[in-house]
Amino acid sequence: MSMSHIKQKIESNDFVVTYDTNDYDVVEEINGIDKTRAFRELIGKLQRAGAEITIYYNGRIISLEFLDNWLNSMDEIKKEVENDIDREVYEC
């Protein structure tokens, strides 16, 4: 996206960056690409550059702390599922 397009979106109070938290791509998973973490890193870079960030989740504004807690919860669930799968494989 060009800088002029970004500026236009900001001036019209439109979203500059969006990310679908339910988006899943098996190829990215296999290749170890974590778009969710990359999105979180982008938010951090924007903040360090002085950008004012508003995060919407399911149509409501959430805090950065909420987002971080949600991401950590998703990581924990992923690990639990992987452990459950491993345990089931070894029990067979």
N, C-alpha and C. Protein backbone atom coordinates (compact mmCIF):
# COMPACT_ATOMS: atom_id res chain seq x y z
N MET A 1 0.86 -1.17 0.00
CA MET A 1 0.00 0.00 0.00
C MET A 1 0.91 1.24 0.00
N SER A 2 0.61 2.18 -0.84
CA SER A 2 1.44 3.39 -0.92
C SER A 2 1.18 4.29 0.29
N MET A 3 2.13 5.15 0.56
CA MET A 3 1.99 6.08 1.67
C MET A 3 0.79 7.01 1.47
N SER A 4 0.55 7.42 0.24
CA SER A 4 -0.59 8.30 -0.02
C SER A 4 -1.91 7.56 0.26
N HIS A 5 -1.95 6.27 -0.06
CA HIS A 5 -3.16 5.48 0.21
C HIS A 5 -3.35 5.32 1.72
N ILE A 6 -2.26 5.07 2.43
CA ILE A 6 -2.33 4.95 3.90
C ILE A 6 -2.81 6.26 4.49
N LYS A 7 -2.24 7.38 4.03
CA LYS A 7 -2.63 8.69 4.53
C LYS A 7 -4.12 8.93 4.28
N GLN A 8 -4.57 8.57 3.08
CA GLN A 8 -5.98 8.75 2.74
C GLN A 8 -6.87 7.94 3.68
N LYS A 9 -6.49 6.71 3.97
CA LYS A 9 -7.28 5.87 4.87
C LYS A 9 -7.32 6.47 6.28
N ILE A 10 -6.17 6.96 6.74
CA ILE A 10 -6.12 7.56 8.07
C ILE A 10 -7.01 8.80 8.12
N GLU A 11 -6.92 9.64 7.12
CA GLU A 11 -7.72 10.86 7.08
C GLU A 11 -9.22 10.58 7.00
N SER A 12 -9.58 9.47 6.37
CA SER A 12 -11.00 9.12 6.27
C SER A 12 -11.44 8.23 7.43
N ASN A 13 -10.54 8.08 8.42
CA ASN A 13 -10.85 7.29 9.62
C ASN A 13 -11.19 5.84 9.28
N ASP A 14 -10.49 5.30 8.30
CA ASP A 14 -10.69 3.93 7.84
C ASP A 14 -9.59 3.05 8.41
N PHE A 15 -9.80 1.74 8.37
CA PHE A 15 -8.79 0.80 8.83
C PHE A 15 -7.58 0.85 7.89
N VAL A 16 -6.40 0.89 8.47
CA VAL A 16 -5.18 0.87 7.67
C VAL A 16 -4.68 -0.56 7.55
N VAL A 17 -4.78 -1.31 8.64
CA VAL A 17 -4.33 -2.71 8.64
C VAL A 17 -5.44 -3.55 9.24
N THR A 18 -5.72 -4.67 8.60
CA THR A 18 -6.69 -5.62 9.16
C THR A 18 -6.06 -6.99 9.18
N TYR A 19 -6.56 -7.82 10.08
CA TYR A 19 -6.09 -9.20 10.18
C TYR A 19 -7.22 -10.07 10.68
N ASP A 20 -7.47 -11.15 9.99
CA ASP A 20 -8.52 -12.09 10.37
C ASP A 20 -7.91 -13.13 11.31
N THR A 21 -8.29 -13.08 12.57
CA THR A 21 -7.71 -13.99 13.57
C THR A 21 -8.11 -15.44 13.32
N ASN A 22 -9.12 -15.66 12.51
CA ASN A 22 -9.56 -17.03 12.22
C ASN A 22 -8.94 -17.59 10.94
N ASP A 23 -8.12 -16.78 10.28
CA ASP A 23 -7.47 -17.21 9.04
C ASP A 23 -6.45 -18.30 9.36
N TYR A 24 -6.50 -19.39 8.61
CA TYR A 24 -5.56 -20.48 8.82
C TYR A 24 -5.11 -21.00 7.46
N ASP A 25 -3.81 -21.19 7.34
CA ASP A 25 -3.24 -21.70 6.10
C ASP A 25 -2.28 -22.82 6.47
N VAL A 26 -2.59 -24.03 6.04
CA VAL A 26 -1.79 -25.19 6.42
C VAL A 26 -0.36 -25.06 5.91
N VAL A 27 -0.16 -24.46 4.74
CA VAL A 27 1.18 -24.28 4.19
C VAL A 27 2.01 -23.37 5.10
N GLU A 28 1.38 -22.29 5.59
CA GLU A 28 2.08 -21.41 6.52
C GLU A 28 2.43 -22.16 7.80
N GLU A 29 1.53 -22.99 8.26
CA GLU A 29 1.78 -23.79 9.47
C GLU A 29 2.97 -24.71 9.26
N ILE A 30 3.01 -25.39 8.15
CA ILE A 30 4.11 -26.30 7.83
C ILE A 30 5.44 -25.55 7.75
N ASN A 31 5.40 -24.35 7.18
CA ASN A 31 6.61 -23.56 7.00
C ASN A 31 6.96 -22.71 8.22
N GLY A 32 6.19 -22.84 9.28
CA GLY A 32 6.48 -22.12 10.51
C GLY A 32 6.20 -20.62 10.44
N ILE A 33 5.29 -20.23 9.56
CA ILE A 33 4.93 -18.82 9.43
C ILE A 33 3.76 -18.53 10.36
N ASP A 34 3.95 -17.58 11.24
CA ASP A 34 2.91 -17.21 12.19
C ASP A 34 2.46 -15.78 11.90
N LYS A 35 1.42 -15.65 11.09
CA LYS A 35 0.92 -14.34 10.70
C LYS A 35 0.38 -13.56 11.90
N THR A 36 -0.16 -14.27 12.86
CA THR A 36 -0.71 -13.60 14.04
C THR A 36 0.40 -12.89 14.80
N ARG A 37 1.51 -13.56 14.99
CA ARG A 37 2.64 -12.93 15.69
C ARG A 37 3.23 -11.80 14.85
N ALA A 38 3.27 -11.98 13.55
CA ALA A 38 3.77 -10.92 12.67
C ALA A 38 2.87 -9.70 12.76
N PHE A 39 1.57 -9.91 12.85
CA PHE A 39 0.62 -8.81 13.01
C PHE A 39 0.87 -8.09 14.33
N ARG A 40 1.10 -8.87 15.39
CA ARG A 40 1.38 -8.26 16.71
C ARG A 40 2.68 -7.45 16.66
N GLU A 41 3.68 -7.97 15.98
CA GLU A 41 4.95 -7.24 15.85
C GLU A 41 4.75 -5.94 15.06
N LEU A 42 3.91 -5.98 14.04
CA LEU A 42 3.60 -4.78 13.28
C LEU A 42 2.97 -3.72 14.17
N ILE A 43 2.05 -4.13 15.03
CA ILE A 43 1.42 -3.19 15.96
C ILE A 43 2.49 -2.53 16.84
N GLY A 44 3.41 -3.33 17.34
CA GLY A 44 4.49 -2.80 18.17
C GLY A 44 5.35 -1.80 17.41
N LYS A 45 5.70 -2.12 16.17
CA LYS A 45 6.51 -1.21 15.36
C LYS A 45 5.77 0.10 15.10
N LEU A 46 4.47 0.00 14.81
CA LEU A 46 3.69 1.20 14.58
C LEU A 46 3.64 2.08 15.83
N GLN A 47 3.47 1.45 16.99
CA GLN A 47 3.44 2.21 18.23
C GLN A 47 4.79 2.89 18.49
N ARG A 48 5.87 2.17 18.28
CA ARG A 48 7.19 2.76 18.50
C ARG A 48 7.45 3.92 17.54
N ALA A 49 6.78 3.90 16.38
CA ALA A 49 6.92 4.98 15.41
C ALA A 49 5.99 6.15 15.74
N GLY A 50 5.18 5.99 16.78
CA GLY A 50 4.31 7.08 17.21
C GLY A 50 2.88 6.99 16.74
N ALA A 51 2.51 5.89 16.13
CA ALA A 51 1.13 5.74 15.64
C ALA A 51 0.17 5.50 16.81
N GLU A 52 -1.01 6.05 16.68
CA GLU A 52 -2.08 5.76 17.64
C GLU A 52 -2.82 4.54 17.12
N ILE A 53 -2.92 3.53 17.95
CA ILE A 53 -3.49 2.25 17.54
C ILE A 53 -4.84 2.03 18.22
N THR A 54 -5.82 1.63 17.44
CA THR A 54 -7.10 1.19 17.97
C THR A 54 -7.33 -0.21 17.43
N ILE A 55 -7.56 -1.15 18.33
CA ILE A 55 -7.72 -2.55 17.93
C ILE A 55 -9.18 -2.95 18.13
N TYR A 56 -9.75 -3.49 17.07
CA TYR A 56 -11.13 -3.99 17.12
C TYR A 56 -11.10 -5.50 17.04
N TYR A 57 -11.89 -6.13 17.89
CA TYR A 57 -12.05 -7.58 17.86
C TYR A 57 -13.53 -7.87 17.99
N ASN A 58 -14.08 -8.54 17.00
CA ASN A 58 -15.53 -8.82 16.96
C ASN A 58 -16.36 -7.55 17.11
N GLY A 59 -15.92 -6.48 16.46
CA GLY A 59 -16.68 -5.25 16.43
C GLY A 59 -16.55 -4.36 17.65
N ARG A 60 -15.70 -4.72 18.59
CA ARG A 60 -15.53 -3.85 19.76
C ARG A 60 -14.06 -3.52 19.96
N ILE A 61 -13.81 -2.41 20.58
CA ILE A 61 -12.43 -1.98 20.83
C ILE A 61 -11.87 -2.79 21.99
N ILE A 62 -10.66 -3.30 21.78
CA ILE A 62 -9.99 -4.04 22.84
C ILE A 62 -8.63 -3.40 23.12
N SER A 63 -8.10 -3.71 24.29
CA SER A 63 -6.79 -3.19 24.65
C SER A 63 -5.69 -4.08 24.08
N LEU A 64 -4.50 -3.54 24.05
CA LEU A 64 -3.36 -4.32 23.62
C LEU A 64 -3.12 -5.48 24.59
N GLU A 65 -3.38 -5.24 25.85
CA GLU A 65 -3.25 -6.30 26.86
C GLU A 65 -4.21 -7.45 26.55
N PHE A 66 -5.44 -7.12 26.19
CA PHE A 66 -6.42 -8.13 25.82
C PHE A 66 -5.92 -8.95 24.64
N LEU A 67 -5.40 -8.26 23.62
CA LEU A 67 -4.87 -8.94 22.44
C LEU A 67 -3.74 -9.88 22.83
N ASP A 68 -2.80 -9.40 23.64
CA ASP A 68 -1.67 -10.22 24.07
C ASP A 68 -2.15 -11.44 24.87
N ASN A 69 -3.11 -11.23 25.76
CA ASN A 69 -3.65 -12.37 26.53
C ASN A 69 -4.33 -13.38 25.61
N TRP A 70 -5.07 -12.88 24.62
CA TRP A 70 -5.73 -13.78 23.67
C TRP A 70 -4.71 -14.58 22.89
N LEU A 71 -3.64 -13.90 22.41
CA LEU A 71 -2.59 -14.59 21.66
C LEU A 71 -1.91 -15.66 22.52
N ASN A 72 -1.64 -15.32 23.77
CA ASN A 72 -1.03 -16.30 24.67
C ASN A 72 -1.95 -17.49 24.91
N SER A 73 -3.24 -17.22 25.05
CA SER A 73 -4.21 -18.31 25.22
C SER A 73 -4.24 -19.21 24.00
N MET A 74 -4.19 -18.62 22.81
CA MET A 74 -4.18 -19.42 21.58
C MET A 74 -2.92 -20.28 21.50
N ASP A 75 -1.79 -19.74 21.93
CA ASP A 75 -0.54 -20.51 21.96
C ASP A 75 -0.65 -21.69 22.92
N GLU A 76 -1.23 -21.45 24.09
CA GLU A 76 -1.40 -22.51 25.08
C GLU A 76 -2.32 -23.61 24.55
N ILE A 77 -3.42 -23.22 23.93
CA ILE A 77 -4.35 -24.21 23.37
C ILE A 77 -3.67 -25.02 22.28
N LYS A 78 -2.90 -24.36 21.43
CA LYS A 78 -2.18 -25.06 20.36
C LYS A 78 -1.23 -26.10 20.94
N LYS A 79 -0.49 -25.72 21.99
CA LYS A 79 0.44 -26.66 22.62
C LYS A 79 -0.30 -27.84 23.25
N GLU A 80 -1.42 -27.56 23.90
CA GLU A 80 -2.21 -28.63 24.51
C GLU A 80 -2.72 -29.61 23.45
N VAL A 81 -3.19 -29.08 22.34
CA VAL A 81 -3.69 -29.94 21.26
C VAL A 81 -2.55 -30.79 20.70
N GLU A 82 -1.39 -30.17 20.48
CA GLU A 82 -0.23 -30.92 19.98
C GLU A 82 0.18 -32.01 20.97
N ASN A 83 0.17 -31.71 22.26
CA ASN A 83 0.49 -32.71 23.27
C ASN A 83 -0.53 -33.84 23.28
N ASP A 84 -1.81 -33.49 23.15
CA ASP A 84 -2.86 -34.52 23.11
C ASP A 84 -2.68 -35.42 21.89
N ILE A 85 -2.36 -34.83 20.76
CA ILE A 85 -2.15 -35.63 19.54
C ILE A 85 -0.96 -36.55 19.72
N ASP A 86 0.14 -36.01 20.23
CA ASP A 86 1.33 -36.84 20.48
C ASP A 86 1.03 -37.98 21.42
N ARG A 87 0.30 -37.70 22.50
CA ARG A 87 -0.04 -38.72 23.48
C ARG A 87 -0.91 -39.82 22.84
N GLU A 88 -1.86 -39.43 22.01
CA GLU A 88 -2.72 -40.41 21.34
C GLU A 88 -1.94 -41.26 20.35
N VAL A 89 -0.99 -40.65 19.66
CA VAL A 89 -0.18 -41.40 18.69
C VAL A 89 0.67 -42.45 19.41
N TYR A 90 1.27 -42.05 20.52
CA TYR A 90 2.15 -42.98 21.24
C TYR A 90 1.38 -44.06 22.00
N GLU A 91 0.09 -43.82 22.29
CA GLU A 91 -0.71 -44.82 22.98
C GLU A 91 -1.15 -45.93 22.04
N CYS A 92 -1.14 -45.68 20.75
CA CYS A 92 -1.61 -46.68 19.78
C CYS A 92 -0.62 -47.77 19.54
